[in-house]
Amino acid sequence: MELHKQQPTDFTSYLCTTGGVSLVRSHKTNPPKRISSIVAVSITNNPTSTMAFNKLMVMLPLMFAARKLDGEDEQVIFMLRCAYFSVQFIISLSVIYVFVVCNKISQSKFKGTLIYVAPAPTPLADPNAKVQYKQITFGEHIYSTARSLLTSTLFGIVVTSGLHYYRGMIVGLAMQSIMGPLNLFENKLAKAILLSGGFKDGESPQSRKFFDEKYREDLTKDDDVVDGEGKVIVFKKEVAGEASKKKDSKRTFEAILLDTWDEGEKADVMPLMNALNKNNANFKISQSGWTPLMIMSALGAPKSDVVIKKLKELKANASVVDGEGWNALHWVAFHGCASGAKTLLEEYGVNLGLQDVKDKEGKTALEHAKQEKNNDVVKVIEEMVGGSEESKGLTDKDGIRKRK
């Protein structure tokens, strides 16, 4: 069978059959000419990990052993095909599962959590160089990482299969039958999801640390942080006492608002409360459209209810929606803050119709609460809204804040 007589005749061609997608994704670089280039090839296929020395010790003997395979033997070709496509089928199912789980996590209540991720290691990088962390939301990062893993895996299968059927190369089938599972479990995110699944009760991004990321409290004064555009972010470290109050006065209202949200349930809400006035009660964060009322309703920190009441006095509008079409009750429902739901509905009343508003996905706050299994919030909303025939009748009759 003439198709399988074509074998790579030089080391560069040979690497093409062993690297699969890894080498193809690096096609703009110079062809590899040294053994050390194999390390670079492998790393490009797995941006979240470095290549261990013991893996190289598996790959090199395998590389030379695969060269001894008889490309004209139909039985050898058949066995290689069975092995390769069986392994890749299992890997594909595993990667699809990882993507589905990560996609769900990216839409969870942790999606807006800010994380600080170090760049992927490269073989020629200076080990003593200062690490520059990138600030990104947890939801965006876990989704993009899982999507990259899925696309690179499927693309690698297509490339290796194409080289086999159109160029007769069988070395790639042999190499990837062995290295494929190793590459998958070298990916920290895939390994964590396959072995432990998604978030369980009580777990959070901080407890799992899929990417060895840092959080705001983990950063030191020596850490450099940049945003998505590569601009350096400078954090102002808070201190106790009068110095803290002076720094609060220098911070922008948006910075105080975001810092309060980042601190979560342990947040000190007093700096925000002291900064509130009629001019900023309906303030919107520039990129996301978040408002103080949304954040305080979902925060669950001590004295959050006091701030919500102050916002009501300052004429904060609870009907305002953010970039996703969420109002303050959507925030409460998604993040699972029952006390915030109770205070919000008590202060603004059910006749405002917050419970009837649908976001850009067509979901109400109650639907989000049920989807996230925030049963305590579901109970509060249903007790204060669903059980009141009188309030329901007013909403249906007058159409107050009711949306399709």
Protein backbone atom coordinates (compact mmCIF):
# COMPACT_ATOMS: atom_id res chain seq x y z
CA MET A 1 0.00 0.00 0.00
CA GLU A 2 1.91 3.03 -1.32
CA LEU A 3 0.24 5.53 0.99
CA HIS A 4 2.15 4.35 4.05
CA LYS A 5 5.61 4.20 2.52
CA GLN A 6 6.12 7.93 3.02
CA GLN A 7 8.04 8.45 6.24
CA PRO A 8 9.79 11.62 7.41
CA THR A 9 13.40 11.60 6.32
CA ASP A 10 14.88 14.29 8.56
CA PHE A 11 14.60 15.27 12.20
CA THR A 12 12.44 18.32 11.51
CA SER A 13 9.90 16.29 9.55
CA TYR A 14 9.97 13.71 12.28
CA LEU A 15 9.12 16.27 14.93
CA CYS A 16 6.11 17.27 12.84
CA THR A 17 4.69 13.80 13.36
CA THR A 18 5.42 13.69 17.09
CA GLY A 19 4.30 17.13 18.13
CA GLY A 20 0.85 17.08 16.56
CA VAL A 21 -0.94 20.31 17.28
CA SER A 22 1.90 21.55 19.44
CA LEU A 23 4.20 22.16 16.49
CA VAL A 24 1.42 23.38 14.20
CA ARG A 25 0.46 26.03 16.76
CA SER A 26 4.07 27.21 16.63
CA HIS A 27 4.28 27.30 12.84
CA LYS A 28 5.38 30.95 12.77
CA THR A 29 8.59 30.12 14.61
CA ASN A 30 11.76 28.69 13.09
CA PRO A 31 11.80 24.89 12.56
CA PRO A 32 13.15 23.03 15.60
CA LYS A 33 16.77 21.98 15.16
CA ARG A 34 17.74 20.90 18.67
CA ILE A 35 16.44 18.31 21.12
CA SER A 36 15.60 21.18 23.51
CA SER A 37 13.04 22.36 20.97
CA ILE A 38 10.92 19.34 21.90
CA VAL A 39 10.37 20.96 25.27
CA ALA A 40 9.08 24.13 23.62
CA VAL A 41 6.81 22.09 21.36
CA SER A 42 5.23 20.31 24.29
CA ILE A 43 4.76 23.45 26.36
CA THR A 44 2.77 25.22 23.65
CA ASN A 45 0.21 22.45 23.82
CA ASN A 46 -0.25 22.98 27.55
CA PRO A 47 0.01 26.63 28.57
CA THR A 48 -0.83 25.95 32.21
CA SER A 49 2.08 23.64 32.96
CA THR A 50 5.80 23.06 32.41
CA MET A 51 7.31 19.96 30.97
CA ALA A 52 8.78 17.73 33.65
CA PHE A 53 12.11 16.08 33.07
CA ASN A 54 10.66 12.59 33.55
CA LYS A 55 8.20 13.22 30.71
CA LEU A 56 11.11 13.92 28.39
CA MET A 57 12.60 10.61 29.45
CA VAL A 58 9.41 8.91 28.27
CA MET A 59 9.20 10.83 25.02
CA LEU A 60 12.76 10.35 23.75
CA PRO A 61 12.84 6.51 23.89
CA LEU A 62 9.30 6.44 22.48
CA MET A 63 10.37 8.70 19.64
CA PHE A 64 13.16 6.41 18.52
CA ALA A 65 11.13 3.24 19.07
CA ALA A 66 8.31 4.61 16.90
CA ARG A 67 10.79 5.14 14.07
CA LYS A 68 11.34 1.38 13.93
CA LEU A 69 7.69 0.67 13.08
CA ASP A 70 7.11 -0.86 9.66
CA GLY A 71 4.99 1.61 7.72
CA GLU A 72 4.22 -0.99 5.06
CA ASP A 73 2.77 -3.61 7.39
CA GLU A 74 -1.01 -3.46 7.20
CA GLN A 75 -1.41 -5.07 10.63
CA VAL A 76 0.88 -2.50 12.24
CA ILE A 77 -1.05 0.32 10.57
CA PHE A 78 -4.39 -1.14 11.67
CA MET A 79 -3.24 -1.56 15.28
CA LEU A 80 -1.85 1.97 15.39
CA ARG A 81 -5.10 3.39 14.04
CA CYS A 82 -7.15 1.45 16.62
CA ALA A 83 -4.88 2.57 19.45
CA TYR A 84 -4.71 6.22 18.36
CA PHE A 85 -8.40 6.80 17.68
CA SER A 86 -9.49 4.89 20.80
CA VAL A 87 -7.22 7.03 22.98
CA GLN A 88 -8.20 10.26 21.24
CA PHE A 89 -11.90 9.42 21.55
CA ILE A 90 -11.54 9.06 25.32
CA ILE A 91 -9.43 12.23 25.51
CA SER A 92 -12.02 14.15 23.47
CA LEU A 93 -14.85 13.06 25.76
CA SER A 94 -12.77 14.04 28.79
CA VAL A 95 -11.94 17.47 27.38
CA ILE A 96 -15.58 18.10 26.41
CA TYR A 97 -16.59 17.20 29.98
CA VAL A 98 -13.98 19.62 31.34
CA PHE A 99 -15.30 22.37 29.05
CA VAL A 100 -18.92 21.81 30.10
CA VAL A 101 -18.03 21.90 33.80
CA CYS A 102 -15.86 25.01 33.36
CA ASN A 103 -18.56 26.74 31.34
CA LYS A 104 -20.98 26.17 34.23
CA ILE A 105 -18.42 27.40 36.76
CA SER A 106 -17.80 30.51 34.64
CA GLN A 107 -21.46 31.45 35.10
CA SER A 108 -21.55 30.75 38.84
CA LYS A 109 -21.62 33.33 41.60
CA PHE A 110 -17.82 33.43 41.49
CA LYS A 111 -17.65 34.63 37.89
CA GLY A 112 -16.87 38.22 38.85
CA THR A 113 -14.12 37.34 41.34
CA LEU A 114 -10.88 39.06 40.40
CA ILE A 115 -7.84 36.81 40.15
CA TYR A 116 -4.23 37.53 39.32
CA VAL A 117 -2.61 35.01 37.00
CA ALA A 118 1.07 34.61 36.21
CA PRO A 119 2.04 34.18 32.54
CA ALA A 120 2.64 30.70 31.18
CA PRO A 121 6.26 29.60 31.65
CA THR A 122 8.52 29.49 28.63
CA PRO A 123 11.73 27.44 28.28
CA LEU A 124 13.99 30.41 27.50
CA ALA A 125 12.59 32.78 30.13
CA ASP A 126 14.88 34.20 32.78
CA PRO A 127 14.11 32.23 35.98
CA ASN A 128 15.07 35.28 38.06
CA ALA A 129 12.85 37.68 36.14
CA LYS A 130 10.09 39.44 38.08
CA VAL A 131 6.67 37.85 37.52
CA GLN A 132 4.00 40.15 36.11
CA TYR A 133 0.47 39.09 37.04
CA LYS A 134 -2.55 39.71 34.84
CA GLN A 135 -5.79 40.85 36.47
CA ILE A 136 -8.82 39.03 35.06
CA THR A 137 -12.17 37.78 36.30
CA PHE A 138 -12.30 34.15 37.37
CA GLY A 139 -15.25 33.37 35.08
CA GLU A 140 -13.57 34.78 31.99
CA HIS A 141 -10.27 33.03 32.67
CA ILE A 142 -11.62 29.56 33.40
CA TYR A 143 -13.87 29.69 30.33
CA SER A 144 -11.11 30.86 27.97
CA THR A 145 -8.66 28.27 29.35
CA ALA A 146 -11.14 25.42 28.93
CA ARG A 147 -12.07 26.58 25.44
CA SER A 148 -8.40 26.75 24.45
CA LEU A 149 -7.88 23.20 25.74
CA LEU A 150 -10.88 21.95 23.76
CA THR A 151 -9.95 23.63 20.48
CA SER A 152 -6.26 22.66 20.66
CA THR A 153 -7.16 19.03 21.42
CA LEU A 154 -9.60 18.73 18.53
CA PHE A 155 -7.28 20.61 16.19
CA GLY A 156 -4.41 18.28 17.13
CA ILE A 157 -6.50 15.23 16.28
CA VAL A 158 -7.36 16.69 12.88
CA VAL A 159 -3.72 17.56 12.09
CA THR A 160 -2.30 14.19 13.18
CA SER A 161 -5.01 12.33 11.28
CA GLY A 162 -4.42 14.46 8.20
CA LEU A 163 -0.68 13.82 8.25
CA HIS A 164 -1.39 10.11 8.50
CA TYR A 165 -3.98 9.80 5.73
CA TYR A 166 -2.47 12.28 3.27
CA ARG A 167 1.26 11.85 3.94
CA GLY A 168 1.32 8.30 5.27
CA MET A 169 3.02 9.28 8.53
CA ILE A 170 2.45 6.71 11.27
CA VAL A 171 4.95 7.95 13.86
CA GLY A 172 2.49 10.63 14.99
CA LEU A 173 -0.16 8.02 15.71
CA ALA A 174 2.24 6.03 17.87
CA MET A 175 3.56 9.06 19.72
CA GLN A 176 0.18 10.63 20.45
CA SER A 177 -1.32 7.32 21.58
CA ILE A 178 1.12 7.44 24.50
CA MET A 179 1.73 11.15 24.99
CA GLY A 180 -1.91 12.24 24.62
CA PRO A 181 -3.06 11.05 28.08
CA LEU A 182 0.16 12.37 29.66
CA ASN A 183 -0.38 15.80 28.09
CA LEU A 184 -3.99 15.87 29.30
CA PHE A 185 -3.12 15.10 32.91
CA GLU A 186 -0.24 17.54 32.80
CA ASN A 187 -2.87 20.26 32.37
CA LYS A 188 -3.70 21.34 35.93
CA LEU A 189 -7.22 22.52 35.14
CA ALA A 190 -8.16 19.31 33.30
CA LYS A 191 -6.66 17.16 36.04
CA ALA A 192 -8.53 19.03 38.78
CA ILE A 193 -11.89 18.83 37.00
CA LEU A 194 -11.53 15.19 35.96
CA LEU A 195 -10.53 14.05 39.43
CA SER A 196 -12.68 16.32 41.60
CA GLY A 197 -15.37 17.82 39.35
CA GLY A 198 -16.79 21.31 39.81
CA PHE A 199 -17.36 23.28 42.98
CA LYS A 200 -18.94 21.42 45.85
CA ASP A 201 -20.71 22.99 48.82
CA GLY A 202 -18.35 25.27 50.70
CA GLU A 203 -15.74 25.38 47.93
CA SER A 204 -14.60 28.53 46.18
CA PRO A 205 -11.93 29.58 43.66
CA GLN A 206 -9.61 30.32 46.60
CA SER A 207 -9.94 26.77 47.94
CA ARG A 208 -9.35 25.07 44.56
CA LYS A 209 -6.82 27.41 42.90
CA PHE A 210 -7.02 25.86 39.44
CA PHE A 211 -4.32 28.13 37.99
CA ASP A 212 -2.01 28.76 40.99
CA GLU A 213 -3.50 32.23 40.85
CA LYS A 214 -3.25 34.93 43.47
CA TYR A 215 -6.03 36.96 45.03
CA ARG A 216 -6.01 40.54 46.21
CA GLU A 217 -5.00 39.58 49.73
CA ASP A 218 -2.15 37.40 48.37
CA LEU A 219 -0.45 40.19 46.44
CA THR A 220 2.63 41.82 47.90
CA LYS A 221 4.07 45.24 47.30
CA ASP A 222 6.68 43.66 45.00
CA ASP A 223 4.12 42.08 42.66
CA ASP A 224 3.51 43.80 39.32
CA VAL A 225 -0.08 43.63 38.05
CA VAL A 226 -1.39 44.57 34.60
CA ASP A 227 -4.90 44.65 33.16
CA GLY A 228 -6.13 43.03 29.93
CA GLU A 229 -4.57 45.84 27.86
CA GLY A 230 -1.18 45.50 29.53
CA LYS A 231 -1.51 48.68 31.60
CA VAL A 232 0.07 48.56 35.04
CA ILE A 233 -2.40 48.57 37.94
CA VAL A 234 -1.35 50.33 41.13
CA PHE A 235 -3.06 49.29 44.36
CA LYS A 236 -3.25 51.51 47.39
CA LYS A 237 -2.69 49.51 50.55
CA GLU A 238 -5.05 50.43 53.38
CA VAL A 239 -3.76 51.02 56.91
CA ALA A 240 -5.59 51.32 60.16
CA GLY A 241 -6.66 54.47 61.98
CA GLU A 242 -6.51 58.01 60.68
CA ALA A 243 -4.17 57.12 57.82
CA SER A 244 -6.87 54.81 56.46
CA LYS A 245 -9.44 57.60 56.50
CA LYS A 246 -7.06 59.92 54.67
CA LYS A 247 -6.44 57.33 51.98
CA ASP A 248 -10.16 56.67 51.65
CA SER A 249 -10.67 60.36 50.95
CA LYS A 250 -8.12 60.16 48.13
CA ARG A 251 -9.61 57.06 46.54
CA THR A 252 -12.25 57.44 43.88
CA PHE A 253 -15.78 56.37 44.72
CA GLU A 254 -15.51 53.59 42.13
CA ALA A 255 -12.34 52.28 43.81
CA ILE A 256 -14.03 52.23 47.22
CA LEU A 257 -17.03 50.44 45.73
CA LEU A 258 -14.93 47.77 43.99
CA ASP A 259 -12.67 47.25 47.01
CA THR A 260 -15.74 46.69 49.19
CA TRP A 261 -17.06 44.08 46.77
CA ASP A 262 -13.67 42.34 46.54
CA GLU A 263 -13.56 41.94 50.33
CA GLY A 264 -16.84 40.01 50.28
CA GLU A 265 -18.61 39.02 53.48
CA LYS A 266 -15.71 40.31 55.60
CA ALA A 267 -15.87 43.78 54.07
CA ASP A 268 -15.87 46.92 56.18
CA VAL A 269 -18.77 48.87 54.66
CA MET A 270 -18.15 52.07 56.61
CA PRO A 271 -15.76 53.69 54.07
CA LEU A 272 -18.43 53.24 51.41
CA MET A 273 -21.21 54.43 53.68
CA ASN A 274 -19.22 57.56 54.57
CA ALA A 275 -18.61 58.27 50.88
CA LEU A 276 -22.28 57.99 49.87
CA ASN A 277 -24.29 61.07 48.96
CA LYS A 278 -27.17 62.03 46.66
CA ASN A 279 -24.77 62.57 43.76
CA ASN A 280 -23.35 59.05 43.77
CA ALA A 281 -26.26 56.99 45.13
CA ASN A 282 -27.04 55.92 41.55
CA PHE A 283 -23.41 55.76 40.44
CA LYS A 284 -22.59 53.15 37.76
CA ILE A 285 -19.21 51.49 37.39
CA SER A 286 -17.90 52.42 33.94
CA GLN A 287 -17.39 48.98 32.38
CA SER A 288 -20.05 46.83 34.04
CA GLY A 289 -22.83 49.20 35.08
CA TRP A 290 -22.80 47.96 38.70
CA THR A 291 -24.41 50.25 41.26
CA PRO A 292 -23.87 50.64 45.03
CA LEU A 293 -27.32 49.15 45.69
CA MET A 294 -26.55 46.04 43.63
CA ILE A 295 -23.27 45.45 45.43
CA MET A 296 -24.57 46.12 48.94
CA SER A 297 -27.65 43.96 48.43
CA ALA A 298 -25.54 40.94 47.38
CA LEU A 299 -22.54 41.51 49.65
CA GLY A 300 -23.80 39.94 52.88
CA ALA A 301 -21.28 41.84 55.03
CA PRO A 302 -22.11 43.19 58.50
CA LYS A 303 -24.16 46.41 58.40
CA SER A 304 -24.98 45.97 54.71
CA ASP A 305 -28.65 46.45 55.60
CA VAL A 306 -27.82 49.84 57.12
CA VAL A 307 -26.16 50.95 53.87
CA ILE A 308 -29.15 49.70 51.82
CA LYS A 309 -31.47 51.80 53.98
CA LYS A 310 -29.22 54.83 53.55
CA LEU A 311 -29.23 54.31 49.78
CA LYS A 312 -33.04 54.26 49.88
CA GLU A 313 -32.99 57.58 51.74
CA LEU A 314 -30.61 58.98 49.11
CA LYS A 315 -33.11 58.00 46.36
CA ALA A 316 -31.08 55.11 44.93
CA ASN A 317 -33.04 53.55 42.07
CA ALA A 318 -33.47 49.78 42.56
CA SER A 319 -34.84 49.36 39.02
CA VAL A 320 -31.55 50.25 37.35
CA VAL A 321 -29.96 47.31 35.49
CA ASP A 322 -26.33 46.52 34.76
CA GLY A 323 -24.72 45.35 31.52
CA GLU A 324 -26.32 41.91 31.81
CA GLY A 325 -29.80 43.29 32.45
CA TRP A 326 -29.64 42.48 36.17
CA ASN A 327 -31.26 44.66 38.80
CA ALA A 328 -30.39 44.58 42.51
CA LEU A 329 -32.71 41.59 43.13
CA HIS A 330 -30.98 39.59 40.38
CA TRP A 331 -27.70 40.22 42.18
CA VAL A 332 -29.13 39.06 45.50
CA ALA A 333 -30.62 35.93 43.94
CA PHE A 334 -27.49 34.91 42.06
CA HIS A 335 -25.06 35.51 44.93
CA GLY A 336 -27.32 33.92 47.53
CA CYS A 337 -27.71 36.72 50.07
CA ALA A 338 -31.04 36.09 51.83
CA SER A 339 -30.64 39.01 54.24
CA GLY A 340 -30.02 41.35 51.31
CA ALA A 341 -33.15 40.05 49.54
CA LYS A 342 -35.27 40.64 52.64
CA THR A 343 -33.94 44.16 53.24
CA LEU A 344 -34.23 45.11 49.57
CA LEU A 345 -37.83 43.97 49.23
CA GLU A 346 -38.83 45.45 52.58
CA GLU A 347 -37.34 48.84 51.71
CA TYR A 348 -38.49 49.08 48.10
CA GLY A 349 -41.63 46.91 48.22
CA VAL A 350 -42.86 44.22 45.87
CA ASN A 351 -45.03 46.67 43.93
CA LEU A 352 -41.91 48.05 42.27
CA GLY A 353 -41.83 44.81 40.31
CA LEU A 354 -38.16 43.91 40.71
CA GLN A 355 -39.18 40.26 40.82
CA ASP A 356 -40.83 40.50 37.38
CA VAL A 357 -37.84 41.97 35.51
CA LYS A 358 -36.08 39.59 33.11
CA ASP A 359 -32.42 39.94 32.24
CA LYS A 360 -30.85 39.57 28.79
CA GLU A 361 -31.12 35.79 29.09
CA GLY A 362 -34.83 36.09 29.84
CA LYS A 363 -34.47 35.06 33.50
CA THR A 364 -36.05 36.60 36.58
CA ALA A 365 -34.32 36.89 39.94
CA LEU A 366 -36.30 33.94 41.29
CA GLU A 367 -35.18 31.78 38.36
CA HIS A 368 -31.54 32.64 39.07
CA ALA A 369 -31.96 31.79 42.75
CA LYS A 370 -33.44 28.39 41.87
CA GLN A 371 -30.77 27.68 39.26
CA GLU A 372 -27.98 28.46 41.74
CA LYS A 373 -29.80 26.45 44.46
CA ASN A 374 -29.88 29.45 46.77
CA ASN A 375 -32.94 28.07 48.53
CA ASP A 376 -32.91 30.62 51.36
CA VAL A 377 -33.24 33.43 48.81
CA VAL A 378 -35.97 31.51 46.97
CA LYS A 379 -37.88 31.24 50.24
CA VAL A 380 -37.60 34.98 50.96
CA ILE A 381 -38.75 36.01 47.48
CA GLU A 382 -41.63 33.53 47.40
CA GLU A 383 -42.81 34.51 50.87
CA MET A 384 -42.69 38.24 50.17
CA VAL A 385 -43.89 38.14 46.57
CA GLY A 386 -45.31 34.82 45.45
CA GLY A 387 -47.64 34.38 48.42
CA SER A 388 -49.17 37.84 48.20
CA GLU A 389 -52.24 37.76 45.97
CA GLU A 390 -52.78 41.46 46.54
CA SER A 391 -49.31 42.47 45.33
CA LYS A 392 -49.62 40.08 42.40
CA GLY A 393 -52.90 41.63 41.39
CA LEU A 394 -51.45 45.13 41.49
CA THR A 395 -48.55 44.12 39.30
CA ASP A 396 -50.77 42.39 36.76
CA LYS A 397 -53.27 45.21 36.66
CA ASP A 398 -51.00 48.23 36.55
CA GLY A 399 -48.02 46.61 34.83
CA ILE A 400 -45.58 48.21 37.24
CA ARG A 401 -42.02 47.47 36.09
CA LYS A 402 -43.23 44.37 34.31
CA ARG A 403 -41.10 43.28 31.36
CA LYS A 404 -41.18 40.54 28.80
